[in-house]
Amino acid sequence: KREVLYGTAFAQKAIWEHQHPADCRKMKYMAFYHTPAGIGSQLHLLGQALALAMHLGRILIIPSKDSQRHFEDPTFCPGEAGWHCWFQHITWCKPKGDVLKIYGFPEHGGFKGKD
């Protein structure tokens, strides 16, 4: 049995099930574009984006092309882009169709839509 931090199993299960649906074809997506910030702030904003995506019933995705994502090391993780070097992929879905693009700081007037 895998151990988890006490009290987090429910949240981890809810996030996993939301981000890994049985059928990705019918899902809506939300792409989070990073903002210039340090690594801790980037992860914090990613967590807020995940909460918003779950609230909106969308799967959070991280675009492979994002000019503000600077924490990559192709020598350490060949073939991986972004957070996938250090963490599991955020979803197994490949977005098609309805993708809401967001960027910005939620605490300063909210995330902004992106064309």
Protein backbone atom coordinates (compact mmCIF):
# COMPACT_ATOMS: atom_id res chain seq x y z
CA LYS A 1 0.00 0.00 0.00
CA ARG A 2 1.37 3.40 -0.97
CA GLU A 3 1.59 5.96 1.78
CA VAL A 4 0.28 9.49 1.37
CA LEU A 5 0.41 12.54 3.56
CA TYR A 6 -2.30 12.19 6.21
CA GLY A 7 -5.55 13.81 5.16
CA THR A 8 -4.62 14.25 1.48
CA ALA A 9 -5.82 10.95 -0.01
CA PHE A 10 -9.31 12.29 -0.78
CA ALA A 11 -7.96 15.39 -2.54
CA GLN A 12 -5.36 13.40 -4.48
CA LYS A 13 -8.02 10.95 -5.66
CA ALA A 14 -10.41 13.75 -6.69
CA ILE A 15 -7.67 15.55 -8.65
CA TRP A 16 -6.47 12.34 -10.33
CA GLU A 17 -9.99 11.36 -11.38
CA HIS A 18 -10.73 14.85 -12.68
CA GLN A 19 -7.50 15.08 -14.69
CA HIS A 20 -7.65 11.47 -16.00
CA PRO A 21 -11.19 10.82 -17.28
CA ALA A 22 -12.10 7.52 -18.92
CA ASP A 23 -13.05 9.31 -22.16
CA CYS A 24 -11.09 12.44 -23.11
CA ARG A 25 -13.03 13.06 -26.33
CA LYS A 26 -15.95 14.81 -24.63
CA MET A 27 -13.91 16.96 -22.28
CA LYS A 28 -13.27 20.70 -22.25
CA TYR A 29 -9.78 21.97 -21.48
CA MET A 30 -8.01 24.91 -19.89
CA ALA A 31 -4.45 25.78 -20.93
CA PHE A 32 -2.38 27.57 -18.29
CA TYR A 33 0.33 29.92 -19.62
CA HIS A 34 2.97 30.82 -17.05
CA THR A 35 3.72 34.35 -15.85
CA PRO A 36 7.24 35.69 -15.21
CA ALA A 37 7.90 34.52 -11.64
CA GLY A 38 10.09 32.27 -9.53
CA ILE A 39 9.66 28.51 -9.32
CA GLY A 40 7.64 28.60 -6.08
CA SER A 41 5.27 31.20 -7.46
CA GLN A 42 4.93 29.25 -10.72
CA LEU A 43 3.88 26.12 -8.79
CA HIS A 44 1.49 28.15 -6.63
CA LEU A 45 -0.17 29.66 -9.71
CA LEU A 46 -0.34 26.22 -11.32
CA GLY A 47 -2.22 24.99 -8.24
CA GLN A 48 -4.65 27.90 -8.50
CA ALA A 49 -5.13 27.17 -12.20
CA LEU A 50 -5.91 23.55 -11.33
CA ALA A 51 -8.53 24.68 -8.80
CA LEU A 52 -10.11 26.96 -11.42
CA ALA A 53 -10.09 24.21 -14.05
CA MET A 54 -11.80 21.81 -11.66
CA HIS A 55 -14.37 24.47 -10.72
CA LEU A 56 -15.11 25.07 -14.42
CA GLY A 57 -15.25 21.35 -15.24
CA ARG A 58 -12.21 21.55 -17.52
CA ILE A 59 -9.06 19.45 -17.72
CA LEU A 60 -5.96 21.53 -16.94
CA ILE A 61 -3.24 21.29 -19.57
CA ILE A 62 0.20 22.87 -19.80
CA PRO A 63 1.01 23.95 -23.36
CA SER A 64 4.27 22.61 -24.75
CA LYS A 65 5.11 26.07 -26.10
CA ASP A 66 5.11 28.69 -23.34
CA SER A 67 7.68 31.52 -23.46
CA GLN A 68 7.46 32.10 -19.68
CA ARG A 69 8.27 28.56 -18.58
CA HIS A 70 11.97 28.74 -17.72
CA PHE A 71 12.54 25.78 -15.41
CA GLU A 72 13.60 23.18 -17.93
CA ASP A 73 16.87 21.33 -18.37
CA PRO A 74 17.04 19.36 -21.64
CA THR A 75 20.31 17.74 -20.51
CA PHE A 76 18.65 16.36 -17.36
CA CYS A 77 15.35 15.35 -18.98
CA PRO A 78 15.84 14.74 -22.71
CA GLY A 79 12.54 14.71 -24.58
CA GLU A 80 10.49 16.24 -21.77
CA ALA A 81 9.24 19.81 -21.62
CA GLY A 82 8.34 21.82 -18.55
CA TRP A 83 7.22 20.28 -15.29
CA HIS A 84 7.14 16.77 -16.81
CA CYS A 85 10.84 16.54 -16.04
CA TRP A 86 10.09 16.49 -12.31
CA PHE A 87 6.43 15.50 -11.98
CA GLN A 88 4.02 13.06 -13.58
CA HIS A 89 2.14 14.29 -16.61
CA ILE A 90 -0.82 16.39 -15.47
CA THR A 91 -3.25 14.44 -17.71
CA TRP A 92 -3.23 11.69 -20.28
CA CYS A 93 -5.72 13.57 -22.46
CA LYS A 94 -4.62 15.23 -25.69
CA PRO A 95 -6.69 18.42 -25.99
CA LYS A 96 -8.94 18.87 -28.99
CA GLY A 97 -11.78 21.30 -29.47
CA ASP A 98 -12.75 23.58 -26.60
CA VAL A 99 -9.57 24.97 -24.98
CA LEU A 100 -9.80 28.02 -22.71
CA LYS A 101 -6.39 29.75 -22.51
CA ILE A 102 -5.51 31.65 -19.33
CA TYR A 103 -2.55 33.61 -18.02
CA GLY A 104 -1.84 36.17 -15.32
CA PHE A 105 -2.09 36.41 -11.56
CA PRO A 106 -5.48 35.42 -10.09
CA GLU A 107 -5.00 37.56 -6.98
CA HIS A 108 -4.58 40.72 -9.11
CA GLY A 109 -7.92 40.91 -10.87
CA GLY A 110 -8.11 37.28 -11.92
CA PHE A 111 -6.65 35.14 -14.65
CA LYS A 112 -6.99 36.68 -18.08
CA GLY A 113 -8.22 34.96 -21.22
CA LYS A 114 -5.77 34.64 -24.08
CA ASP A 115 -6.58 34.67 -27.80
